[in-house]
């Protein structure tokens, strides 16, 4: 899921047509037990497909706002969607994981 989220952010950056170099992002898929890899999209464009325990990055991406969604078999994995804002010259890590209660969660941190 983490890699999926990361891939989604990268895809959004490509779709937006911006030049890479403003923010740095690493994405990690940390949700075990899903039946298939997940696909991450950003602003509606596919970033990539990832398996549990995979990561992507660090990637240089344009600063800006990204709507990210994690899909399993083409359907959203609730509540794995978020709007994230990446700022110039900041390193970010996006992680899809299980919460303390076992629910799917996503976190993006500096």
Protein backbone atom coordinates (compact mmCIF):
# COMPACT_ATOMS: atom_id res chain seq x y z
CA UNK A 1 0.00 0.00 0.00
CA UNK A 2 2.84 2.38 0.80
CA UNK A 3 4.50 1.86 -2.52
CA UNK A 4 1.14 2.19 -4.12
CA UNK A 5 0.60 5.54 -2.48
CA UNK A 6 4.03 6.67 -3.50
CA UNK A 7 3.47 5.56 -7.07
CA UNK A 8 0.22 7.45 -7.09
CA UNK A 9 1.89 10.67 -6.09
CA UNK A 10 4.48 10.22 -8.82
CA UNK A 11 1.82 9.55 -11.45
CA UNK A 12 -0.02 12.69 -10.46
CA UNK A 13 3.15 14.68 -10.89
CA UNK A 14 3.66 13.25 -14.37
CA UNK A 15 0.07 13.91 -15.35
CA UNK A 16 0.30 17.48 -14.13
CA UNK A 17 3.22 17.98 -16.51
CA UNK A 18 5.42 19.61 -13.88
CA UNK A 19 9.19 19.39 -13.68
CA UNK A 20 10.58 17.12 -10.97
CA UNK A 21 12.82 18.58 -8.26
CA UNK A 22 10.75 20.34 -5.61
CA UNK A 23 9.88 17.68 -2.99
CA UNK A 24 11.19 14.18 -2.21
CA UNK A 25 8.76 11.30 -1.63
CA UNK A 26 9.16 7.68 -0.54
CA UNK A 27 6.10 5.36 -0.58
CA UNK A 28 5.77 2.14 1.48
CA UNK A 29 3.15 -0.65 1.25
CA UNK A 30 2.72 -2.00 4.77
CA UNK A 31 -0.67 -3.75 4.71
CA UNK A 32 -0.28 -7.53 4.93
CA UNK A 33 -2.84 -10.09 3.83
CA UNK A 34 -4.34 -8.42 0.78
CA UNK A 35 -5.21 -10.98 -1.94
CA UNK A 36 -3.49 -9.08 -4.75
CA UNK A 37 -1.16 -6.14 -5.32
CA UNK A 38 -2.72 -2.69 -5.01
CA UNK A 39 -2.72 0.05 -7.63
CA UNK A 40 -2.14 3.65 -6.64
CA UNK A 41 -3.58 6.58 -8.54
CA UNK A 42 -2.91 10.29 -8.18
CA UNK A 43 -5.33 12.89 -9.51
CA UNK A 44 -6.93 10.05 -11.50
CA UNK A 45 -3.76 8.79 -13.18
CA UNK A 46 -2.17 5.43 -12.39
CA UNK A 47 1.18 5.60 -10.62
CA UNK A 48 1.87 1.90 -10.33
CA UNK A 49 1.03 -1.44 -8.74
CA UNK A 50 2.72 -2.73 -5.57
CA UNK A 51 2.84 -5.75 -3.28
CA UNK A 52 3.05 -5.80 0.52
CA UNK A 53 6.43 -4.78 1.96
CA UNK A 54 7.58 -2.98 -1.19
CA UNK A 55 8.63 0.65 -1.36
CA UNK A 56 9.38 3.17 -4.05
CA UNK A 57 11.73 6.11 -3.94
CA UNK A 58 12.98 8.45 -2.88
CA UNK A 59 11.52 10.29 -5.85
CA UNK A 60 11.78 13.96 -6.78
CA UNK A 61 8.27 15.34 -7.39
CA UNK A 62 6.88 18.80 -8.01
CA UNK A 63 5.51 20.57 -4.96
CA UNK A 64 1.72 20.75 -4.97
CA UNK A 65 -1.52 19.06 -3.98
CA UNK A 66 -2.27 15.44 -4.93
CA UNK A 67 -5.46 13.37 -4.59
CA UNK A 68 -4.21 9.84 -3.98
CA UNK A 69 -6.29 6.64 -3.99
CA UNK A 70 -5.35 3.01 -3.38
CA UNK A 71 -7.24 0.40 -5.44
CA UNK A 72 -7.55 -3.37 -5.00
CA UNK A 73 -8.88 -5.23 -8.06
CA UNK A 74 -9.98 -1.87 -9.49
CA UNK A 75 -12.05 -0.91 -6.45
CA UNK A 76 -11.10 1.60 -3.72
CA UNK A 77 -9.65 0.20 -0.49
CA UNK A 78 -11.49 2.28 2.12
CA UNK A 79 -10.32 4.53 3.69
CA UNK A 80 -7.14 4.57 1.63
CA UNK A 81 -7.51 7.86 -0.11
CA UNK A 82 -6.09 11.20 0.83
CA UNK A 83 -5.32 14.65 -0.41
CA UNK A 84 -1.72 15.53 0.34
CA UNK A 85 0.22 18.73 -0.15
CA UNK A 86 3.95 18.44 -0.80
CA UNK A 87 6.11 21.50 -0.20
CA UNK A 88 9.39 22.58 -1.80
CA UNK A 89 12.59 21.08 -0.38
CA UNK A 90 10.83 18.73 2.09
CA UNK A 91 11.29 14.93 2.31
CA UNK A 92 8.05 12.95 2.75
CA UNK A 93 7.23 9.32 3.46
CA UNK A 94 3.79 7.93 2.60
CA UNK A 95 2.90 4.67 4.34
CA UNK A 96 -0.18 2.49 3.94
CA UNK A 97 -0.49 0.36 7.08
CA UNK A 98 -2.80 -1.26 9.61
CA UNK A 99 -3.95 0.92 12.49
CA UNK A 100 -3.82 -0.27 16.12
CA UNK A 101 -7.38 -1.55 15.65
CA UNK A 102 -6.49 -3.44 12.44
CA UNK A 103 -8.13 -0.99 10.05
CA UNK A 104 -6.44 0.14 6.83
CA UNK A 105 -4.76 3.53 7.23
CA UNK A 106 -2.50 5.86 5.31
CA UNK A 107 -0.07 8.40 6.72
CA UNK A 108 2.11 10.98 5.04
CA UNK A 109 4.84 12.53 7.19
CA UNK A 110 7.82 14.81 6.78
